[in-house]
């Protein structure tokens, strides 16, 4: 299990995110990631998040 990039930062269409990425090293360093699918009593789920390389940062 683990995480994987699902959308490169340059391909994200959200202009607010692009602005934040440009303040934090540029979109080329960022991506949208997803965890593996986990099972819960409510059904399967994944967590999606934005990350720059291997470093987690608040934006």
C-alpha atoms as a PDB file:
ATOM      1  CA  UNK A   1       0.000   0.000   0.000  1.00  0.00           C
ATOM      2  CA  UNK A   2       1.053   3.570  -0.457  1.00  0.00           C
ATOM      3  CA  UNK A   3       0.385   6.648  -2.489  1.00  0.00           C
ATOM      4  CA  UNK A   4       0.727   7.443  -6.146  1.00  0.00           C
ATOM      5  CA  UNK A   5       0.550  10.582  -8.246  1.00  0.00           C
ATOM      6  CA  UNK A   6      -2.728  10.746 -10.160  1.00  0.00           C
ATOM      7  CA  UNK A   7      -2.412  14.219 -11.771  1.00  0.00           C
ATOM      8  CA  UNK A   8       0.789  16.206 -12.372  1.00  0.00           C
ATOM      9  CA  UNK A   9       0.671  19.763 -11.023  1.00  0.00           C
ATOM     10  CA  UNK A  10       0.865  21.318 -14.507  1.00  0.00           C
ATOM     11  CA  UNK A  11      -2.311  19.449 -15.517  1.00  0.00           C
ATOM     12  CA  UNK A  12      -4.498  20.658 -12.653  1.00  0.00           C
ATOM     13  CA  UNK A  13      -7.086  23.145 -13.933  1.00  0.00           C
ATOM     14  CA  UNK A  14      -7.828  24.928 -10.656  1.00  0.00           C
ATOM     15  CA  UNK A  15      -6.464  28.482 -11.050  1.00  0.00           C
ATOM     16  CA  UNK A  16      -6.383  29.049  -7.270  1.00  0.00           C
ATOM     17  CA  UNK A  17      -4.159  25.975  -6.865  1.00  0.00           C
ATOM     18  CA  UNK A  18      -1.935  27.085  -9.726  1.00  0.00           C
ATOM     19  CA  UNK A  19      -1.454  30.438  -7.967  1.00  0.00           C
ATOM     20  CA  UNK A  20      -0.486  28.704  -4.720  1.00  0.00           C
ATOM     21  CA  UNK A  21       1.859  26.353  -6.571  1.00  0.00           C
ATOM     22  CA  UNK A  22       3.596  29.337  -8.205  1.00  0.00           C
ATOM     23  CA  UNK A  23       4.206  30.786  -4.715  1.00  0.00           C
ATOM     24  CA  UNK A  24       5.688  27.451  -3.615  1.00  0.00           C
ATOM     25  CA  UNK A  25       8.183  26.431  -6.266  1.00  0.00           C
ATOM     26  CA  UNK A  26       5.966  26.143  -9.348  1.00  0.00           C
ATOM     27  CA  UNK A  27       3.439  23.617 -10.583  1.00  0.00           C
ATOM     28  CA  UNK A  28       6.169  21.330 -11.923  1.00  0.00           C
ATOM     29  CA  UNK A  29       7.092  20.374  -8.365  1.00  0.00           C
ATOM     30  CA  UNK A  30       3.521  19.567  -7.321  1.00  0.00           C
ATOM     31  CA  UNK A  31       1.041  16.796  -7.997  1.00  0.00           C
ATOM     32  CA  UNK A  32      -2.278  15.420  -6.829  1.00  0.00           C
ATOM     33  CA  UNK A  33      -1.821  12.084  -5.081  1.00  0.00           C
ATOM     34  CA  UNK A  34      -4.100   9.286  -3.938  1.00  0.00           C
ATOM     35  CA  UNK A  35      -3.710   6.627  -1.308  1.00  0.00           C
ATOM     36  CA  UNK A  36      -4.548   3.019  -1.928  1.00  0.00           C
ATOM     37  CA  UNK A  37      -8.173   2.050  -1.451  1.00  0.00           C
ATOM     38  CA  UNK A  38      -9.020   1.202   2.129  1.00  0.00           C
ATOM     39  CA  UNK A  39     -12.065  -0.656   3.370  1.00  0.00           C
ATOM     40  CA  UNK A  40     -14.192   0.780   6.157  1.00  0.00           C
ATOM     41  CA  UNK A  41     -17.543  -0.114   7.655  1.00  0.00           C
ATOM     42  CA  UNK A  42     -19.003   2.604   5.359  1.00  0.00           C
ATOM     43  CA  UNK A  43     -17.376   1.183   2.240  1.00  0.00           C
ATOM     44  CA  UNK A  44     -14.121   1.663   0.343  1.00  0.00           C
ATOM     45  CA  UNK A  45     -12.378   5.044   0.346  1.00  0.00           C
ATOM     46  CA  UNK A  46      -9.239   6.846  -0.812  1.00  0.00           C
ATOM     47  CA  UNK A  47      -7.579  10.040   0.406  1.00  0.00           C
ATOM     48  CA  UNK A  48      -6.509  12.618  -2.201  1.00  0.00           C
ATOM     49  CA  UNK A  49      -3.970  15.331  -1.425  1.00  0.00           C
ATOM     50  CA  UNK A  50      -1.442  17.686  -3.025  1.00  0.00           C
ATOM     51  CA  UNK A  51       2.266  17.149  -2.527  1.00  0.00           C
ATOM     52  CA  UNK A  52       5.541  18.606  -3.830  1.00  0.00           C
ATOM     53  CA  UNK A  53       7.906  15.713  -4.515  1.00  0.00           C
ATOM     54  CA  UNK A  54       8.545  13.716  -1.362  1.00  0.00           C
ATOM     55  CA  UNK A  55       7.991  16.716   0.907  1.00  0.00           C
ATOM     56  CA  UNK A  56       4.639  17.493   2.573  1.00  0.00           C
ATOM     57  CA  UNK A  57       3.945  21.227   2.892  1.00  0.00           C
ATOM     58  CA  UNK A  58       0.970  23.399   3.745  1.00  0.00           C
ATOM     59  CA  UNK A  59      -0.133  25.711   0.965  1.00  0.00           C
END
